[in-house]
Amino acid sequence: MATPAHLGPAHSPEYKCCGPTLCDNILTSLIQCPGKEDKLKMSKKPGWPPVLPKRDQERREKLRQRLEGDFATTVLRVSKAEALKARAKFSRPYWPPLISSEEKERRRLFRQSLEKRSSPPATPSTSQRWPPEMKTVKVSVPPCASLAVLPPPSAVAKVALKRVPRATAWRRKKRAQEDIKALKQGKATARRRDPRGYPCSLCGKPKRLEFGHSFFRGKAFCATSAGKTVSQWLSDQRRVAAADNVSDVPRTTAWRRKKKQEAISLGLPQKRPKKCTPITCSLCQQPKTKEFGHSRYGGKAFCSSHEGKTVELWLAEQRALAPTL
């Protein structure tokens, strides 16, 4: 009997089967092989998405509420700050009093006494430029505020000559401590000898203050050859220096101007001036310079347009009220 071709050699009478058990296993595996739909059904687990515990859900809810509250608070605070800034942009600045009422009254009486002894000051102008009338006002300064260089009293001069610098006092104290320590240990400490100093060509003594020598602005002094004390010579030199500086220019500024004139006379190249914008006063919107009625003393700023007085009068008041050392 012939076997149909579509049945294959396994169904032919000549084909010998390996056994009923192997064939049954093959057929069972073919029947139980999952398809695409079965795979999709198997991938969908019954507990997905996972359900969080109640404790974690409450914690996440509290965190979300807190973040929303912080964001709302921040937005409200920023909006209030912007509103206050917008309103304060065009408001008049408030300047709180810096001194007590008693101190203010005492200063007012002192200012009146100064104004009585001085010529009547010019009225401050509201123009853009500083009025030249106020720059020439004569103000009588009390003796306690005078900057004149006077010779010191003899007692003060003697104390100044006997005064020991702090570094020297510390060095002597340190040396005494080392000597005491060396005596306790029973051995000597090695140290260098005191500096002799440069000898004077006139008297042969070291050029130090205890031997009657001094130095002031490029000039040397020897008390033995001059016939006067160091304090007298220093007082004379300071008085002469103050008389030469009639324009009241600081010493460093005068030195810098002198060097600049020397460089110009020698034809040396000059530095390019730096272009800088002046600092503007917040009260009168003018540059903070003396030409525009501004000054500073002891960490306090002064504006003549705001205070209603001259710079010279205010400086005299501050120098008189400054504590004396």
Protein backbone atom coordinates (compact mmCIF):
# COMPACT_ATOMS: atom_id res chain seq x y z
CA MET A 1 0.00 0.00 0.00
CA ALA A 2 1.44 3.33 -1.03
CA THR A 3 1.68 6.20 1.44
CA PRO A 4 0.52 9.68 0.39
CA ALA A 5 3.31 12.13 -0.22
CA HIS A 6 1.89 14.80 2.09
CA LEU A 7 2.00 12.51 5.10
CA GLY A 8 5.80 12.33 5.03
CA PRO A 9 8.08 9.45 5.70
CA ALA A 10 6.92 9.13 9.28
CA HIS A 11 3.58 7.68 8.14
CA SER A 12 5.04 5.32 5.63
CA PRO A 13 4.93 1.63 6.50
CA GLU A 14 8.71 1.45 6.14
CA TYR A 15 9.24 4.18 8.85
CA LYS A 16 9.97 2.75 12.21
CA CYS A 17 8.81 4.90 15.14
CA CYS A 18 11.13 5.45 18.05
CA GLY A 19 8.33 4.76 20.45
CA PRO A 20 4.97 6.12 21.58
CA THR A 21 6.47 8.13 24.46
CA LEU A 22 8.72 10.35 22.29
CA CYS A 23 5.97 11.13 19.82
CA ASP A 24 3.55 12.05 22.57
CA ASN A 25 6.07 14.45 24.10
CA ILE A 26 6.68 16.20 20.78
CA LEU A 27 2.97 16.64 20.11
CA THR A 28 2.35 17.95 23.63
CA SER A 29 5.13 20.55 23.34
CA LEU A 30 3.77 21.75 20.00
CA ILE A 31 0.28 22.09 21.39
CA GLN A 32 1.41 23.95 24.57
CA CYS A 33 3.75 26.47 22.76
CA PRO A 34 2.42 29.97 23.61
CA GLY A 35 1.60 32.41 20.85
CA LYS A 36 1.87 36.23 20.70
CA GLU A 37 -1.48 36.85 22.39
CA ASP A 38 -0.64 34.41 25.13
CA LYS A 39 2.66 36.22 25.74
CA LEU A 40 0.87 39.60 26.08
CA LYS A 41 -1.58 38.11 28.55
CA MET A 42 1.24 36.61 30.55
CA SER A 43 3.19 39.95 30.63
CA LYS A 44 0.25 41.79 32.22
CA LYS A 45 0.60 40.96 35.88
CA PRO A 46 -2.44 41.34 38.06
CA GLY A 47 -0.62 43.65 40.61
CA TRP A 48 0.73 46.32 38.19
CA PRO A 49 1.20 49.22 38.75
CA PRO A 50 2.32 48.38 42.27
CA VAL A 51 0.19 49.76 45.06
CA LEU A 52 2.24 51.71 47.65
CA PRO A 53 1.64 51.15 51.33
CA LYS A 54 -0.57 53.58 53.15
CA ARG A 55 2.36 55.02 55.07
CA ASP A 56 4.28 55.88 51.88
CA GLN A 57 1.15 57.38 50.32
CA GLU A 58 0.66 59.67 53.34
CA ARG A 59 4.32 60.68 53.29
CA ARG A 60 4.16 61.57 49.57
CA GLU A 61 0.97 63.54 50.08
CA LYS A 62 2.51 65.56 52.94
CA LEU A 63 5.61 66.26 50.86
CA ARG A 64 3.51 67.44 47.92
CA GLN A 65 1.43 69.75 50.16
CA ARG A 66 4.56 71.20 51.77
CA LEU A 67 6.17 71.90 48.39
CA GLU A 68 3.01 73.58 47.15
CA GLY A 69 2.84 75.70 50.33
CA ASP A 70 6.52 76.73 50.09
CA PHE A 71 6.09 77.71 46.47
CA ALA A 72 3.01 79.77 47.23
CA THR A 73 4.77 81.48 50.17
CA THR A 74 7.82 82.27 48.05
CA VAL A 75 5.69 83.73 45.26
CA LEU A 76 3.77 85.87 47.78
CA ARG A 77 6.96 87.12 49.43
CA VAL A 78 8.58 88.01 46.10
CA SER A 79 5.46 89.82 44.91
CA LYS A 80 5.28 91.82 48.16
CA ALA A 81 8.96 92.74 47.92
CA GLU A 82 8.56 93.88 44.32
CA ALA A 83 5.49 95.93 45.25
CA LEU A 84 7.33 97.60 48.14
CA LYS A 85 10.31 98.27 45.91
CA ALA A 86 8.08 99.82 43.24
CA ARG A 87 6.39 102.05 45.83
CA ALA A 88 9.66 103.00 47.51
CA LYS A 89 11.28 103.90 44.20
CA PHE A 90 9.50 107.25 44.08
CA SER A 91 9.17 107.83 47.84
CA ARG A 92 11.22 110.37 49.74
CA PRO A 93 14.16 108.85 51.67
CA TYR A 94 13.91 108.79 55.43
CA TRP A 95 16.99 109.83 57.38
CA PRO A 96 16.71 108.79 61.03
CA PRO A 97 18.43 110.93 63.68
CA LEU A 98 21.91 109.73 64.54
CA ILE A 99 22.29 111.59 67.85
CA SER A 100 20.12 112.07 70.91
CA SER A 101 18.04 115.17 71.58
CA GLU A 102 20.36 116.31 74.40
CA GLU A 103 23.42 115.99 72.19
CA LYS A 104 21.59 117.77 69.37
CA GLU A 105 20.69 120.67 71.66
CA ARG A 106 24.26 120.92 72.95
CA ARG A 107 25.61 121.00 69.40
CA ARG A 108 23.03 123.61 68.43
CA LEU A 109 24.14 125.91 71.25
CA PHE A 110 27.77 125.35 70.35
CA ARG A 111 27.02 126.15 66.70
CA GLN A 112 25.24 129.35 67.71
CA SER A 113 28.22 130.42 69.78
CA LEU A 114 30.50 129.82 66.81
CA GLU A 115 28.22 131.74 64.48
CA LYS A 116 28.08 134.70 66.87
CA ARG A 117 31.86 134.98 66.89
CA SER A 118 32.10 134.57 63.12
CA SER A 119 30.84 136.63 60.24
CA PRO A 120 27.36 135.79 58.95
CA PRO A 121 27.68 132.90 56.50
CA ALA A 122 26.23 133.13 53.04
CA THR A 123 22.91 131.46 52.33
CA PRO A 124 23.33 128.06 50.65
CA SER A 125 22.36 128.15 47.04
CA THR A 126 20.24 125.55 45.27
CA SER A 127 22.04 125.95 41.97
CA GLN A 128 23.95 123.16 40.30
CA ARG A 129 27.33 124.68 41.10
CA TRP A 130 28.80 125.39 44.52
CA PRO A 131 28.40 129.14 45.29
CA PRO A 132 31.78 130.87 45.41
CA GLU A 133 30.56 133.15 48.23
CA MET A 134 30.54 130.28 50.72
CA LYS A 135 34.09 129.25 49.88
CA THR A 136 35.42 132.62 51.15
CA VAL A 137 33.50 132.74 54.44
CA LYS A 138 35.71 133.52 57.42
CA VAL A 139 35.08 131.30 60.42
CA SER A 140 36.71 131.84 63.79
CA VAL A 141 38.04 128.53 65.04
CA PRO A 142 38.30 127.93 68.80
CA PRO A 143 41.78 127.27 70.23
CA CYS A 144 40.96 123.62 70.89
CA ALA A 145 40.33 123.07 67.17
CA SER A 146 43.40 124.93 65.91
CA LEU A 147 45.95 123.00 63.86
CA ALA A 148 48.87 125.38 64.48
CA VAL A 149 52.14 123.70 65.39
CA LEU A 150 53.29 124.98 68.77
CA PRO A 151 56.38 123.98 70.76
CA PRO A 152 55.54 121.30 73.34
CA PRO A 153 55.93 122.01 77.05
CA SER A 154 59.19 121.03 78.69
CA ALA A 155 57.58 118.23 80.71
CA VAL A 156 56.01 116.76 77.58
CA ALA A 157 59.30 117.02 75.70
CA LYS A 158 61.17 115.20 78.49
CA VAL A 159 58.57 112.43 78.59
CA ALA A 160 58.76 112.09 74.80
CA LEU A 161 62.53 111.73 74.97
CA LYS A 162 62.28 109.12 77.72
CA ARG A 163 59.52 107.19 75.96
CA VAL A 164 60.54 103.68 74.95
CA PRO A 165 59.05 102.21 71.75
CA ARG A 166 56.84 99.18 72.15
CA ALA A 167 59.17 96.95 70.14
CA THR A 168 62.14 97.94 72.32
CA ALA A 169 60.17 97.35 75.52
CA TRP A 170 59.06 93.93 74.28
CA ARG A 171 62.61 93.01 73.29
CA ARG A 172 63.96 94.00 76.71
CA LYS A 173 61.25 92.04 78.47
CA LYS A 174 61.98 89.00 76.32
CA ARG A 175 65.71 89.29 77.08
CA ALA A 176 65.06 89.45 80.83
CA GLN A 177 62.91 86.33 80.63
CA GLU A 178 65.63 84.51 78.71
CA ASP A 179 68.23 85.53 81.32
CA ILE A 180 66.08 84.21 84.17
CA LYS A 181 65.53 80.96 82.30
CA ALA A 182 69.27 80.60 81.62
CA LEU A 183 70.11 81.19 85.29
CA LYS A 184 67.71 78.46 86.34
CA GLN A 185 69.24 76.03 83.84
CA GLY A 186 72.80 77.02 84.73
CA LYS A 187 73.95 77.99 81.24
CA ALA A 188 74.42 81.27 79.41
CA THR A 189 72.42 82.35 76.35
CA ALA A 190 74.23 83.57 73.28
CA ARG A 191 73.05 86.88 71.86
CA ARG A 192 74.46 89.56 69.66
CA ARG A 193 75.59 92.88 71.04
CA ASP A 194 73.55 96.07 70.80
CA PRO A 195 73.83 97.96 67.50
CA ARG A 196 76.29 100.82 67.68
CA GLY A 197 74.58 102.86 64.97
CA TYR A 198 76.22 105.11 62.43
CA PRO A 199 78.68 107.48 64.15
CA CYS A 200 78.08 111.21 63.77
CA SER A 201 80.76 113.08 61.85
CA LEU A 202 80.45 116.08 64.23
CA CYS A 203 80.48 114.53 67.69
CA GLY A 204 81.43 110.91 67.02
CA LYS A 205 78.44 109.51 68.93
CA PRO A 206 75.88 107.10 67.43
CA LYS A 207 73.09 108.77 65.49
CA ARG A 208 70.33 107.89 67.92
CA LEU A 209 67.82 109.92 69.90
CA GLU A 210 69.33 109.14 73.30
CA PHE A 211 72.62 110.66 72.09
CA GLY A 212 70.95 113.90 70.90
CA HIS A 213 70.40 113.15 67.20
CA SER A 214 67.28 113.36 65.06
CA PHE A 215 66.11 113.49 61.44
CA PHE A 216 63.23 115.42 59.86
CA ARG A 217 62.36 115.53 56.14
CA GLY A 218 65.87 115.04 54.82
CA LYS A 219 67.63 117.16 57.48
CA ALA A 220 69.90 115.66 60.15
CA PHE A 221 70.41 117.24 63.57
CA CYS A 222 73.15 116.96 66.20
CA ALA A 223 72.43 118.52 69.60
CA THR A 224 76.11 118.75 70.55
CA SER A 225 77.06 120.93 67.59
CA ALA A 226 73.79 122.90 67.33
CA GLY A 227 73.54 123.93 70.99
CA LYS A 228 69.81 123.15 71.37
CA THR A 229 67.72 120.14 72.31
CA VAL A 230 66.09 117.73 69.91
CA SER A 231 62.56 118.78 70.93
CA GLN A 232 63.31 122.47 70.22
CA TRP A 233 64.77 121.65 66.81
CA LEU A 234 61.82 119.43 65.87
CA SER A 235 59.34 122.14 66.94
CA ASP A 236 61.14 124.72 64.79
CA GLN A 237 61.20 122.40 61.80
CA ARG A 238 57.51 121.57 62.09
CA ARG A 239 56.60 125.25 62.45
CA VAL A 240 58.60 126.12 59.33
CA ALA A 241 57.00 123.25 57.40
CA ALA A 242 53.53 124.42 58.44
CA ALA A 243 54.34 128.00 57.39
CA ASP A 244 55.59 126.85 53.99
CA ASN A 245 52.42 124.86 53.38
CA VAL A 246 50.14 127.90 53.12
CA SER A 247 47.78 126.29 50.61
CA ASP A 248 47.05 123.49 53.10
CA VAL A 249 48.14 120.78 50.66
CA PRO A 250 49.00 117.38 52.14
CA ARG A 251 52.67 116.51 52.12
CA THR A 252 52.21 113.46 49.88
CA THR A 253 50.14 115.47 47.39
CA ALA A 254 52.78 118.22 47.27
CA TRP A 255 55.51 115.62 46.71
CA ARG A 256 53.54 113.99 43.90
CA ARG A 257 52.94 117.35 42.20
CA LYS A 258 56.61 118.21 42.51
CA LYS A 259 57.63 114.93 40.87
CA LYS A 260 55.13 115.50 38.09
CA GLN A 261 56.52 118.97 37.36
CA GLU A 262 60.05 117.58 37.31
CA ALA A 263 59.01 114.89 34.83
CA ILE A 264 57.32 117.49 32.61
CA SER A 265 60.41 119.72 32.67
CA LEU A 266 62.63 116.78 31.70
CA GLY A 267 60.28 115.78 28.87
CA LEU A 268 59.50 112.32 30.21
CA PRO A 269 56.35 110.55 28.96
CA GLN A 270 53.33 111.17 31.15
CA LYS A 271 50.83 108.64 32.36
CA ARG A 272 47.46 108.68 30.68
CA PRO A 273 44.89 110.08 33.14
CA LYS A 274 42.30 107.59 34.22
CA LYS A 275 38.72 108.48 33.38
CA CYS A 276 36.64 107.87 36.47
CA THR A 277 33.12 108.97 37.28
CA PRO A 278 32.85 110.96 40.54
CA ILE A 279 30.90 109.56 43.46
CA THR A 280 27.50 111.27 43.68
CA CYS A 281 25.85 112.35 46.93
CA SER A 282 22.46 110.73 47.55
CA LEU A 283 21.10 113.92 49.19
CA CYS A 284 21.90 116.63 46.65
CA GLN A 285 22.94 114.53 43.61
CA GLN A 286 26.24 116.44 43.36
CA PRO A 287 29.80 115.05 43.32
CA LYS A 288 31.19 114.34 46.77
CA THR A 289 34.01 116.90 46.60
CA LYS A 290 34.89 119.99 48.60
CA GLU A 291 34.07 122.25 45.64
CA PHE A 292 30.46 121.05 45.82
CA GLY A 293 30.19 121.42 49.61
CA HIS A 294 31.06 117.93 50.84
CA SER A 295 33.56 116.77 53.41
CA ARG A 296 34.34 113.93 55.79
CA TYR A 297 35.75 113.82 59.31
CA GLY A 298 36.08 110.95 61.76
CA GLY A 299 34.05 108.56 59.61
CA LYS A 300 31.14 111.04 59.22
CA ALA A 301 30.07 112.40 55.84
CA PHE A 302 28.83 115.99 55.44
CA CYS A 303 26.66 117.68 52.79
CA SER A 304 26.30 121.46 53.06
CA SER A 305 23.08 121.57 51.01
CA HIS A 306 21.44 119.14 53.42
CA GLU A 307 22.84 120.56 56.69
CA GLY A 308 22.66 124.26 55.75
CA LYS A 309 26.17 125.23 56.89
CA THR A 310 29.61 125.63 55.39
CA VAL A 311 32.28 122.97 55.25
CA GLU A 312 34.67 125.09 57.33
CA LEU A 313 32.10 125.57 60.10
CA TRP A 314 31.26 121.87 60.21
CA LEU A 315 34.94 120.88 60.32
CA ALA A 316 35.53 123.36 63.17
CA GLU A 317 32.65 121.81 65.12
CA GLN A 318 33.90 118.28 64.56
CA ARG A 319 37.46 119.15 65.59
CA ALA A 320 36.21 120.89 68.73
CA LEU A 321 33.95 117.98 69.68
CA ALA A 322 36.58 115.34 68.97
CA PRO A 323 37.96 113.71 72.13
CA THR A 324 41.44 114.83 73.04
CA LEU A 325 44.02 112.14 73.75
